[in-house]
């Protein structure tokens, strides 16, 4: 079954937010702003293989779990609360399984924002509108961006720690004004991840009888 991008909002908001990173060249930005964006792009390009934990909050609803990333093309978000919810990209398709509803859906990776972040070479210089770059004395910074083609569909704020640079949270505001905040409670390089992490068959498909 195929599904629109919107159906993946819950469960894949994390990497979709990262994929919505802003363009590195915006004429309205100052030289300091552009330097911050270049710093963010360099960091994300270097994040080839990683794992960690996250907490996702929407209003009073709290969700948490673990994630794994392996570029190009692969990622896994495994929720422990709600237990069993999975979002997996195998390099070709992004798949989402909700065991509570026994629903499995998938969409081609190339049709999702995830394809930008999970590409072999991260390109963040097309199709995004920067609305704000905030820099702190500590070296931390935040970037607010919208889709240049669909500016009314929401925005994302990416927050980075400084010295050293590390992505530590993002907040997505959708077209209805709903805000989802995702905090990375841990993030570390993870070379040699098992291929099985990025495989997900349709659990709802019953085996054929002979």
Protein backbone atom coordinates (compact mmCIF):
# COMPACT_ATOMS: atom_id res chain seq x y z
CA UNK A 1 0.00 0.00 0.00
CA UNK A 2 1.30 3.47 -0.83
CA UNK A 3 0.57 6.53 1.27
CA UNK A 4 1.03 10.27 1.14
CA UNK A 5 3.76 12.16 3.00
CA UNK A 6 1.20 13.47 5.49
CA UNK A 7 0.41 9.95 6.69
CA UNK A 8 4.03 9.62 7.78
CA UNK A 9 3.94 12.76 9.94
CA UNK A 10 3.70 10.73 13.15
CA UNK A 11 6.65 8.41 13.42
CA UNK A 12 8.87 9.96 10.76
CA UNK A 13 8.76 13.57 11.87
CA UNK A 14 12.26 13.25 13.21
CA UNK A 15 14.21 12.73 10.03
CA UNK A 16 11.70 14.59 7.93
CA UNK A 17 12.60 17.62 10.01
CA UNK A 18 16.28 17.15 9.39
CA UNK A 19 15.57 16.69 5.70
CA UNK A 20 13.88 20.08 5.64
CA UNK A 21 17.18 21.78 6.39
CA UNK A 22 17.58 25.23 4.88
CA UNK A 23 19.52 26.32 1.84
CA UNK A 24 23.16 27.19 2.27
CA UNK A 25 22.86 30.20 -0.01
CA UNK A 26 20.09 32.72 0.75
CA UNK A 27 20.55 36.28 -0.48
CA UNK A 28 18.69 37.78 2.51
CA UNK A 29 21.05 36.20 5.06
CA UNK A 30 24.06 37.87 6.57
CA UNK A 31 27.56 36.49 6.15
CA UNK A 32 27.42 35.22 9.74
CA UNK A 33 24.10 33.48 9.06
CA UNK A 34 25.51 31.79 5.96
CA UNK A 35 28.54 30.65 7.96
CA UNK A 36 26.21 29.03 10.51
CA UNK A 37 24.29 27.23 7.74
CA UNK A 38 27.52 25.98 6.20
CA UNK A 39 28.56 24.68 9.62
CA UNK A 40 25.27 22.81 9.95
CA UNK A 41 25.58 21.29 6.48
CA UNK A 42 29.13 20.11 7.12
CA UNK A 43 28.01 18.47 10.35
CA UNK A 44 25.05 16.68 8.73
CA UNK A 45 27.18 15.51 5.82
CA UNK A 46 29.53 13.90 8.32
CA UNK A 47 26.71 12.11 10.13
CA UNK A 48 26.98 9.00 7.95
CA UNK A 49 26.12 6.38 10.57
CA UNK A 50 24.64 7.09 13.99
CA UNK A 51 22.33 5.86 16.72
CA UNK A 52 20.67 7.29 19.79
CA UNK A 53 17.52 7.90 21.79
CA UNK A 54 14.76 10.44 21.33
CA UNK A 55 11.74 11.92 23.10
CA UNK A 56 8.91 13.31 20.98
CA UNK A 57 6.27 15.61 22.48
CA UNK A 58 3.04 16.90 20.95
CA UNK A 59 0.98 18.85 23.46
CA UNK A 60 0.50 16.55 26.45
CA UNK A 61 1.38 13.44 24.42
CA UNK A 62 4.88 12.05 24.92
CA UNK A 63 6.53 9.37 22.77
CA UNK A 64 10.03 7.94 22.96
CA UNK A 65 12.32 5.37 21.46
CA UNK A 66 15.60 4.66 19.67
CA UNK A 67 16.86 5.48 16.21
CA UNK A 68 19.56 4.35 13.78
CA UNK A 69 20.80 6.12 10.64
CA UNK A 70 23.03 4.79 7.89
CA UNK A 71 23.50 6.88 4.76
CA UNK A 72 22.89 6.48 1.97
CA UNK A 73 19.22 5.71 2.22
CA UNK A 74 18.71 3.85 5.51
CA UNK A 75 17.17 4.68 8.85
CA UNK A 76 15.07 3.13 11.61
CA UNK A 77 12.92 4.80 14.29
CA UNK A 78 11.78 2.24 16.85
CA UNK A 79 9.28 3.47 19.41
CA UNK A 80 9.18 2.03 22.92
CA UNK A 81 6.23 4.27 23.80
CA UNK A 82 3.94 3.54 22.02
CA UNK A 83 5.52 0.12 21.93
CA UNK A 84 6.05 -1.51 18.57
CA UNK A 85 5.60 1.47 16.26
CA UNK A 86 8.29 1.35 13.54
CA UNK A 87 9.41 3.66 10.75
CA UNK A 88 12.09 2.12 8.52
CA UNK A 89 13.81 3.16 5.29
CA UNK A 90 15.56 0.33 3.47
CA UNK A 91 17.16 2.56 0.84
CA UNK A 92 14.25 2.33 -1.59
CA UNK A 93 11.07 2.71 0.45
CA UNK A 94 10.04 4.26 3.76
CA UNK A 95 7.80 1.85 5.69
CA UNK A 96 5.63 2.46 8.74
CA UNK A 97 4.01 -0.23 10.88
CA UNK A 98 1.60 0.48 13.73
CA UNK A 99 0.89 -2.77 15.63
CA UNK A 100 -1.93 -1.20 17.64
CA UNK A 101 -3.94 -0.71 14.45
CA UNK A 102 -2.21 -3.52 12.55
CA UNK A 103 -1.56 -1.08 9.70
CA UNK A 104 1.44 -1.20 7.36
CA UNK A 105 2.16 1.54 4.83
CA UNK A 106 5.01 2.47 2.57
CA UNK A 107 6.05 5.23 0.17
CA UNK A 108 9.07 5.46 -2.15
CA UNK A 109 11.98 7.16 -0.41
CA UNK A 110 12.52 9.48 -3.38
CA UNK A 111 9.04 10.97 -2.82
CA UNK A 112 9.74 11.93 0.79
CA UNK A 113 11.84 14.70 2.38
CA UNK A 114 13.94 11.94 3.91
CA UNK A 115 15.64 11.42 0.55
CA UNK A 116 17.48 14.73 0.99
CA UNK A 117 19.04 13.86 4.33
CA UNK A 118 19.66 10.21 3.55
CA UNK A 119 21.40 10.92 0.22
CA UNK A 120 25.04 10.01 -0.16
CA UNK A 121 25.82 13.71 -0.58
CA UNK A 122 23.60 15.97 1.51
CA UNK A 123 22.41 18.93 -0.60
CA UNK A 124 20.64 21.60 1.39
CA UNK A 125 20.70 24.39 -1.16
CA UNK A 126 17.40 23.97 -2.97
CA UNK A 127 13.70 24.55 -2.28
CA UNK A 128 13.86 25.86 1.29
CA UNK A 129 13.17 29.31 2.69
CA UNK A 130 15.09 30.53 5.74
CA UNK A 131 13.02 32.68 8.07
CA UNK A 132 15.43 32.96 10.99
CA UNK A 133 18.92 32.06 12.18
CA UNK A 134 19.53 32.42 15.92
CA UNK A 135 23.04 32.33 17.39
CA UNK A 136 23.89 32.03 21.09
CA UNK A 137 27.06 33.09 22.92
CA UNK A 138 27.67 29.45 23.87
CA UNK A 139 28.11 28.55 20.20
CA UNK A 140 24.67 26.92 20.00
CA UNK A 141 22.41 27.96 17.16
CA UNK A 142 18.93 27.40 15.74
CA UNK A 143 17.62 27.55 12.19
CA UNK A 144 14.00 28.12 11.18
CA UNK A 145 12.96 27.02 7.69
CA UNK A 146 9.91 26.52 5.47
CA UNK A 147 9.39 24.66 2.22
CA UNK A 148 9.90 27.27 -0.49
CA UNK A 149 7.16 25.77 -2.68
CA UNK A 150 4.66 25.19 0.14
CA UNK A 151 5.34 27.87 2.78
CA UNK A 152 1.88 27.50 4.33
CA UNK A 153 2.37 23.82 5.17
CA UNK A 154 4.38 24.56 8.29
CA UNK A 155 7.92 25.16 9.48
CA UNK A 156 10.79 23.47 11.29
CA UNK A 157 13.22 24.80 13.87
CA UNK A 158 16.48 22.86 14.09
CA UNK A 159 18.56 23.41 17.23
CA UNK A 160 22.25 22.59 17.42
CA UNK A 161 24.61 22.53 20.37
CA UNK A 162 27.97 24.18 19.80
CA UNK A 163 31.59 23.33 20.59
CA UNK A 164 31.36 20.69 19.21
CA UNK A 165 28.41 21.05 16.88
CA UNK A 166 25.65 18.50 17.53
CA UNK A 167 22.02 18.33 16.46
CA UNK A 168 20.07 18.06 19.72
CA UNK A 169 16.43 18.86 18.93
CA UNK A 170 13.88 20.09 16.39
CA UNK A 171 10.35 21.45 16.51
CA UNK A 172 7.90 20.99 13.65
CA UNK A 173 4.83 23.21 13.32
CA UNK A 174 2.36 21.82 10.80
CA UNK A 175 -0.20 23.67 8.66
CA UNK A 176 -2.77 23.44 11.46
CA UNK A 177 -0.37 24.98 13.99
CA UNK A 178 0.32 21.75 15.87
CA UNK A 179 3.84 21.69 17.31
CA UNK A 180 5.87 18.50 17.70
CA UNK A 181 9.17 18.72 19.55
CA UNK A 182 11.78 15.96 19.21
CA UNK A 183 14.73 15.92 21.60
CA UNK A 184 17.74 13.71 20.95
CA UNK A 185 18.65 12.55 24.43
CA UNK A 186 21.68 10.77 22.98
CA UNK A 187 23.42 10.70 19.61
CA UNK A 188 26.64 8.87 18.78
CA UNK A 189 28.50 7.52 15.73
CA UNK A 190 27.60 3.89 15.04
CA UNK A 191 29.80 2.18 12.45
CA UNK A 192 29.01 -1.37 11.41
CA UNK A 193 25.24 -1.35 11.93
CA UNK A 194 23.47 -4.63 11.17
CA UNK A 195 21.67 -4.75 7.82
CA UNK A 196 18.64 -6.29 9.55
CA UNK A 197 17.91 -2.97 11.28
CA UNK A 198 16.80 -1.52 7.97
CA UNK A 199 14.60 -4.37 6.82
CA UNK A 200 10.86 -4.46 7.45
CA UNK A 201 8.42 -6.84 5.79
CA UNK A 202 4.68 -6.28 5.89
CA UNK A 203 3.56 -7.97 9.16
CA UNK A 204 -0.09 -7.72 8.11
CA UNK A 205 0.36 -9.90 5.03
CA UNK A 206 -0.74 -13.43 5.67
CA UNK A 207 1.35 -16.24 4.12
CA UNK A 208 -0.25 -17.92 1.14
CA UNK A 209 -1.65 -21.39 1.56
CA UNK A 210 -0.56 -24.07 -0.88
